[in-house]
Protein backbone atom coordinates (compact mmCIF):
# COMPACT_ATOMS: atom_id res chain seq x y z
CA UNK A 1 55.05 -49.75 50.52
CA UNK A 2 56.31 -48.10 47.34
CA UNK A 3 59.32 -50.39 46.95
CA UNK A 4 62.43 -49.21 45.14
CA UNK A 5 65.06 -51.68 44.02
CA UNK A 6 68.50 -50.71 42.74
CA UNK A 7 70.35 -53.49 40.90
CA UNK A 8 74.01 -52.45 40.80
CA UNK A 9 75.67 -54.98 38.51
CA UNK A 10 79.47 -55.37 38.61
CA UNK A 11 80.74 -57.58 35.79
CA UNK A 12 83.47 -60.06 36.66
CA UNK A 13 83.63 -59.75 40.44
CA UNK A 14 84.07 -62.86 42.56
CA UNK A 15 84.89 -63.61 46.18
CA UNK A 16 88.59 -64.41 46.36
CA UNK A 17 91.06 -65.28 49.08
CA UNK A 18 92.87 -62.84 51.34
CA UNK A 19 95.94 -62.73 49.10
CA UNK A 20 97.29 -59.20 48.47
CA UNK A 21 99.55 -60.54 45.72
CA UNK A 22 96.64 -61.56 43.50
CA UNK A 23 93.44 -60.06 44.93
CA UNK A 24 92.96 -56.26 44.78
CA UNK A 25 90.13 -56.56 47.31
CA UNK A 26 92.84 -57.54 49.81
CA UNK A 27 94.92 -54.45 48.97
CA UNK A 28 92.68 -51.55 47.92
CA UNK A 29 91.49 -48.92 50.39
CA UNK A 30 87.72 -49.44 50.53
CA UNK A 31 86.43 -47.68 53.66
CA UNK A 32 82.75 -47.53 52.71
CA UNK A 33 82.60 -51.19 51.70
CA UNK A 34 84.41 -52.23 54.86
CA UNK A 35 82.07 -50.14 56.99
CA UNK A 36 79.10 -51.92 55.40
CA UNK A 37 80.74 -55.25 56.17
CA UNK A 38 81.41 -54.40 59.80
CA UNK A 39 85.13 -53.79 59.32
CA UNK A 40 85.66 -56.79 57.06
CA UNK A 41 86.85 -56.94 53.45
CA UNK A 42 85.01 -58.41 50.46
CA UNK A 43 86.77 -61.77 50.71
CA UNK A 44 85.65 -65.36 50.89
CA UNK A 45 87.10 -65.59 54.43
CA UNK A 46 84.63 -62.93 55.59
CA UNK A 47 81.69 -65.30 55.13
CA UNK A 48 80.64 -68.24 57.24
CA UNK A 49 77.79 -70.79 57.14
CA UNK A 50 74.52 -69.33 58.45
CA UNK A 51 73.06 -70.69 61.68
CA UNK A 52 70.42 -72.71 59.81
CA UNK A 53 72.87 -74.09 57.22
CA UNK A 54 72.75 -77.84 56.67
CA UNK A 55 75.96 -78.97 54.90
CA UNK A 56 74.38 -82.22 53.76
CA UNK A 57 71.95 -80.31 51.53
CA UNK A 58 74.55 -77.94 50.09
CA UNK A 59 76.68 -78.27 46.99
CA UNK A 60 80.34 -77.33 46.84
CA UNK A 61 81.93 -74.40 45.11
CA UNK A 62 85.00 -75.41 43.15
CA UNK A 63 87.70 -72.94 42.22
CA UNK A 64 90.76 -73.00 40.06
CA UNK A 65 92.80 -71.50 42.90
CA UNK A 66 91.05 -72.36 46.17
CA UNK A 67 89.90 -75.42 48.04
CA UNK A 68 86.29 -76.56 47.89
CA UNK A 69 84.00 -74.29 49.91
CA UNK A 70 80.41 -74.77 51.08
CA UNK A 71 77.60 -73.28 49.05
CA UNK A 72 75.70 -71.42 51.76
CA UNK A 73 77.89 -68.62 53.10
CA UNK A 74 76.62 -65.44 54.69
CA UNK A 75 77.84 -62.36 56.58
CA UNK A 76 75.32 -60.07 58.29
CA UNK A 77 75.83 -56.58 59.69
CA UNK A 78 73.27 -53.99 60.85
CA UNK A 79 73.33 -52.33 57.42
CA UNK A 80 74.04 -55.10 54.94
CA UNK A 81 73.95 -58.79 54.15
CA UNK A 82 76.64 -60.49 52.08
CA UNK A 83 76.09 -63.89 50.51
CA UNK A 84 78.21 -66.06 48.24
CA UNK A 85 76.36 -67.16 45.11
CA UNK A 86 77.26 -70.08 42.87
CA UNK A 87 77.95 -68.91 39.27
CA UNK A 88 78.90 -72.37 37.96
CA UNK A 89 75.36 -73.75 38.24
CA UNK A 90 76.38 -77.39 37.95
CA UNK A 91 77.97 -76.95 34.52
CA UNK A 92 81.64 -77.83 33.94
CA UNK A 93 83.94 -75.09 32.71
CA UNK A 94 84.40 -71.43 33.51
CA UNK A 95 81.33 -69.17 33.85
CA UNK A 96 80.87 -66.56 31.13
CA UNK A 97 79.01 -63.26 30.84
CA UNK A 98 76.21 -64.06 28.41
CA UNK A 99 74.95 -67.19 30.15
CA UNK A 100 75.53 -65.70 33.61
CA UNK A 101 73.67 -62.47 32.87
CA UNK A 102 70.87 -64.37 31.13
CA UNK A 103 70.48 -66.47 34.28
CA UNK A 104 70.44 -63.40 36.52
CA UNK A 105 67.72 -61.78 34.39
CA UNK A 106 65.49 -64.81 33.88
CA UNK A 107 65.85 -67.07 36.92
CA UNK A 108 66.52 -69.93 34.49
CA UNK A 109 69.69 -71.99 34.73
CA UNK A 110 70.72 -71.08 31.21
CA UNK A 111 74.13 -72.85 31.25
CA UNK A 112 72.52 -76.06 32.45
CA UNK A 113 69.75 -75.85 29.85
CA UNK A 114 72.25 -75.29 27.04
CA UNK A 115 74.94 -77.54 28.48
CA UNK A 116 77.68 -74.91 28.35
CA UNK A 117 78.87 -71.49 29.53
CA UNK A 118 79.08 -68.85 26.81
CA UNK A 119 80.06 -65.22 26.35
CA UNK A 120 80.64 -62.40 26.24
CA UNK A 121 77.69 -61.57 23.93
CA UNK A 122 74.57 -63.74 23.63
CA UNK A 123 74.50 -66.23 20.80
CA UNK A 124 71.16 -67.08 19.19
CA UNK A 125 70.09 -69.74 21.75
CA UNK A 126 70.88 -67.40 24.66
CA UNK A 127 69.09 -64.51 22.96
CA UNK A 128 65.96 -66.66 22.81
CA UNK A 129 65.85 -66.75 26.60
CA UNK A 130 65.92 -62.95 26.62
CA UNK A 131 63.09 -62.30 24.17
CA UNK A 132 60.32 -62.48 26.76
CA UNK A 133 59.61 -63.61 30.28
CA UNK A 134 62.65 -61.88 31.76
CA UNK A 135 62.70 -59.84 34.96
CA UNK A 136 62.21 -56.67 32.92
CA UNK A 137 59.34 -58.17 30.90
CA UNK A 138 57.52 -59.38 34.00
CA UNK A 139 57.84 -56.07 35.80
CA UNK A 140 56.62 -54.22 32.71
CA UNK A 141 53.59 -56.51 32.52
CA UNK A 142 52.91 -55.70 36.18
CA UNK A 143 52.97 -51.99 35.32
CA UNK A 144 56.26 -51.42 37.12
CA UNK A 145 58.74 -48.95 35.74
CA UNK A 146 62.22 -50.22 34.86
CA UNK A 147 65.16 -47.95 34.13
CA UNK A 148 68.62 -48.85 32.84
CA UNK A 149 70.78 -45.94 33.97
CA UNK A 150 73.62 -46.45 31.50
CA UNK A 151 73.89 -43.85 28.73
CA UNK A 152 75.12 -45.08 25.35
CA UNK A 153 77.05 -42.79 22.97
CA UNK A 154 75.96 -42.06 19.38
CA UNK A 155 78.68 -44.36 18.01
CA UNK A 156 77.15 -47.29 19.90
CA UNK A 157 73.73 -46.88 18.28
CA UNK A 158 75.34 -46.40 14.87
CA UNK A 159 77.33 -49.62 15.23
CA UNK A 160 74.19 -51.53 16.27
CA UNK A 161 72.17 -50.15 13.35
CA UNK A 162 74.90 -50.99 10.84
CA UNK A 163 75.36 -54.50 12.19
CA UNK A 164 78.93 -53.90 13.35
CA UNK A 165 78.12 -54.99 16.86
CA UNK A 166 75.33 -56.79 18.72
CA UNK A 167 73.68 -56.08 22.04
CA UNK A 168 75.10 -57.65 25.15
CA UNK A 169 72.57 -59.32 27.43
CA UNK A 170 71.50 -56.32 29.50
CA UNK A 171 70.71 -53.81 26.71
CA UNK A 172 69.13 -56.67 24.75
CA UNK A 173 66.75 -57.46 27.62
CA UNK A 174 66.01 -53.77 28.11
CA UNK A 175 65.02 -53.14 24.50
CA UNK A 176 63.10 -56.40 24.11
CA UNK A 177 61.06 -55.57 27.20
CA UNK A 178 60.04 -52.25 25.66
CA UNK A 179 62.29 -49.86 27.56
CA UNK A 180 64.44 -47.31 25.76
CA UNK A 181 68.19 -47.16 26.13
CA UNK A 182 69.47 -43.84 27.42
CA UNK A 183 71.39 -41.57 25.06
CA UNK A 184 73.87 -38.72 25.08
CA UNK A 185 70.99 -36.33 25.74
CA UNK A 186 70.11 -38.22 28.92
CA UNK A 187 73.71 -38.07 30.11
CA UNK A 188 74.05 -34.36 29.41
CA UNK A 189 70.79 -33.54 31.20
CA UNK A 190 71.58 -35.63 34.27
CA UNK A 191 69.15 -38.45 33.51
CA UNK A 192 71.79 -41.16 33.13
CA UNK A 193 75.34 -42.20 34.01
CA UNK A 194 78.28 -43.09 31.81
CA UNK A 195 79.79 -46.56 31.94
CA UNK A 196 82.74 -45.25 33.98
CA UNK A 197 80.54 -43.25 36.40
CA UNK A 198 82.29 -39.92 35.90
CA UNK A 199 82.01 -39.19 32.16
CA UNK A 200 85.77 -38.95 31.71
CA UNK A 201 85.78 -41.89 29.33
CA UNK A 202 83.40 -40.08 27.00
CA UNK A 203 85.85 -37.19 26.90
CA UNK A 204 89.12 -39.13 26.74
CA UNK A 205 88.16 -42.19 24.70
CA UNK A 206 85.19 -41.02 22.64
CA UNK A 207 86.37 -37.48 22.04
CA UNK A 208 83.14 -35.88 23.27
CA UNK A 209 84.95 -33.01 24.94
CA UNK A 210 81.93 -31.24 26.42
CA UNK A 211 80.73 -34.28 28.39
CA UNK A 212 79.76 -33.17 31.92
CA UNK A 213 82.10 -34.59 34.53
CA UNK A 214 81.15 -35.98 37.93
CA UNK A 215 83.19 -37.09 40.89
CA UNK A 216 82.57 -40.71 41.89
CA UNK A 217 80.65 -39.47 44.94
CA UNK A 218 78.43 -37.30 42.72
CA UNK A 219 77.81 -40.29 40.46
CA UNK A 220 76.62 -42.28 43.47
CA UNK A 221 74.34 -39.44 44.52
CA UNK A 222 72.87 -39.27 41.02
CA UNK A 223 72.35 -43.02 41.00
CA UNK A 224 70.38 -42.82 44.26
CA UNK A 225 68.26 -39.89 43.09
CA UNK A 226 67.45 -41.42 39.69
CA UNK A 227 66.53 -44.70 41.38
CA UNK A 228 63.63 -42.89 43.06
CA UNK A 229 61.99 -42.42 39.66
CA UNK A 230 61.55 -46.12 38.84
CA UNK A 231 60.52 -49.29 40.62
CA UNK A 232 63.57 -51.23 39.45
CA UNK A 233 66.71 -49.35 38.47
CA UNK A 234 69.61 -51.19 36.86
CA UNK A 235 73.18 -50.02 36.37
CA UNK A 236 75.79 -52.07 34.54
CA UNK A 237 79.49 -51.63 35.26
CA UNK A 238 81.64 -53.77 32.97
CA UNK A 239 85.07 -52.17 33.52
CA UNK A 240 85.63 -54.49 36.49
CA UNK A 241 85.73 -57.45 34.10
CA UNK A 242 88.13 -55.64 31.78
CA UNK A 243 90.41 -54.88 34.72
CA UNK A 244 90.55 -58.54 35.63
CA UNK A 245 91.62 -59.51 32.12
CA UNK A 246 94.39 -56.89 32.12
CA UNK A 247 95.97 -58.20 35.35
CA UNK A 248 97.13 -54.72 36.39
CA UNK A 249 97.05 -54.59 40.20
CA UNK A 250 97.47 -50.82 40.53
CA UNK A 251 94.74 -50.14 37.96
CA UNK A 252 92.44 -52.70 39.60
CA UNK A 253 92.91 -51.14 43.04
CA UNK A 254 92.19 -47.68 41.63
CA UNK A 255 89.03 -49.00 39.97
CA UNK A 256 87.80 -50.62 43.19
CA UNK A 257 88.55 -47.45 45.13
CA UNK A 258 86.48 -45.52 42.59
CA UNK A 259 83.57 -47.92 43.09
CA UNK A 260 83.92 -47.44 46.84
CA UNK A 261 83.66 -43.67 46.40
CA UNK A 262 80.52 -44.18 44.30
CA UNK A 263 79.10 -46.25 47.15
CA UNK A 264 79.89 -43.39 49.53
CA UNK A 265 77.69 -41.01 47.55
CA UNK A 266 75.03 -43.63 46.88
CA UNK A 267 74.56 -44.67 50.50
CA UNK A 268 74.69 -41.09 51.78
CA UNK A 269 71.76 -40.23 49.50
CA UNK A 270 69.73 -43.45 49.59
CA UNK A 271 66.87 -43.55 52.07
CA UNK A 272 67.00 -46.82 53.98
CA UNK A 273 63.20 -46.88 54.08
CA UNK A 274 62.93 -46.82 50.29
CA UNK A 275 63.89 -50.40 49.53
CA UNK A 276 66.95 -52.45 48.67
CA UNK A 277 70.25 -52.07 46.87
CA UNK A 278 71.73 -55.25 45.40
CA UNK A 279 75.35 -55.43 44.25
CA UNK A 280 76.19 -58.66 42.48
CA UNK A 281 77.99 -60.18 39.51
CA UNK A 282 77.86 -62.88 36.85
CA UNK A 283 81.23 -64.58 37.40
CA UNK A 284 84.58 -64.03 39.04
CA UNK A 285 87.61 -62.34 37.48
CA UNK A 286 89.07 -59.23 39.10
CA UNK A 287 89.49 -60.96 42.48
CA UNK A 288 92.25 -63.17 41.07
CA UNK A 289 94.79 -61.31 38.95
CA UNK A 290 97.06 -64.36 38.76
CA UNK A 291 95.03 -65.35 35.69
CA UNK A 292 93.62 -63.46 32.69
CA UNK A 293 90.63 -65.78 32.64
CA UNK A 294 87.38 -65.75 34.54
CA UNK A 295 87.30 -67.80 37.73
CA UNK A 296 84.93 -70.33 39.22
CA UNK A 297 84.90 -68.49 42.54
CA UNK A 298 81.52 -67.67 44.07
CA UNK A 299 80.22 -64.19 43.36
CA UNK A 300 79.03 -61.77 46.04
CA UNK A 301 75.47 -60.67 46.59
CA UNK A 302 75.71 -57.60 48.81
CA UNK A 303 72.31 -56.32 49.91
CA UNK A 304 71.78 -52.98 51.64
CA UNK A 305 68.48 -52.10 53.33
CA UNK A 306 66.19 -52.78 56.26
CA UNK A 307 66.98 -56.09 58.03
CA UNK A 308 63.50 -57.58 57.58
CA UNK A 309 63.48 -56.76 53.87
CA UNK A 310 66.97 -58.19 53.47
CA UNK A 311 65.88 -61.37 55.21
CA UNK A 312 62.92 -61.76 52.88
CA UNK A 313 65.06 -61.17 49.82
CA UNK A 314 67.87 -63.56 50.78
CA UNK A 315 65.73 -66.40 52.14
CA UNK A 316 66.21 -68.81 49.21
CA UNK A 317 69.20 -67.17 47.54
CA UNK A 318 72.00 -69.64 46.82
CA UNK A 319 72.99 -69.11 43.18
CA UNK A 320 72.39 -66.84 40.18
CA UNK A 321 69.00 -68.39 39.45
CA UNK A 322 67.55 -66.94 42.65
CA UNK A 323 67.94 -63.24 41.85
CA UNK A 324 64.97 -62.73 39.52
CA UNK A 325 62.50 -64.73 41.68
CA UNK A 326 63.63 -62.86 44.80
CA UNK A 327 63.08 -59.46 43.15
CA UNK A 328 59.70 -60.43 41.75
CA UNK A 329 58.62 -61.68 45.17
CA UNK A 330 59.35 -58.25 46.64
CA UNK A 331 57.12 -56.61 44.04
CA UNK A 332 54.28 -59.16 44.27
């Protein structure tokens, strides 16, 4: 089987409670996501212990706004599997982007190894984990093609070259593994996607007035089509984390509804026989707008694909460390 794997990364998305006052997932209109979940919302209450779950072997989730919940939680439908993953990884404090993303991309419990959570950008010790041996490195060594779909504007590369900014974990891993970051040319020729899906941010915020515009549905269609050209395709969406920090419910609901429209186009174009789509995160945030900070809530792992392939992928998945090993197992 010529496996395709789409890793759709949403920064700062946790599984919160069914509280419309604080959780936009309890308020926003998300028909595609709810259809995938069998009429349920992306909430912690949607999940339940699997039939083979043994509470004595589990570890608890702790949250700054919820009661302790069991580690192994799952929700299965004919099209998708949803699991709750532990982002805390046995380390006190609030999970952060750099250590969380480094864990996702290496399979190593980076916070536990270092003794702390850290972010948003990798410090020197975290960057060392990302120099080699990552998911991208291992796939490259196995002659698999990896593609990061995000296009970066000219100002981004200029700031990196001049030392005004440093790579976050995902572009750092991509470049260290020998894969090129996509540019304005890739975006204009339809070979990449902007960070906001549609390209409007390049026009409105960056002043690149001739940026081609897409609807969210068209962005999802493009994501599916471009994913056919690589073995592993990665897309990073970080605006979800920003929305959580801003605590703007209306803006957060609009953002989630945009993501849902992207999913509409993505799933309408994706061939179920091709492989798996994984939607997951590094830590919670947007699901609890009562705080500007990240949360210790579990993060979702939503997997779309054939039931047998989903079962193989999710077999040993309980926290962020399991993602890289599970992907590599599919490609072995």
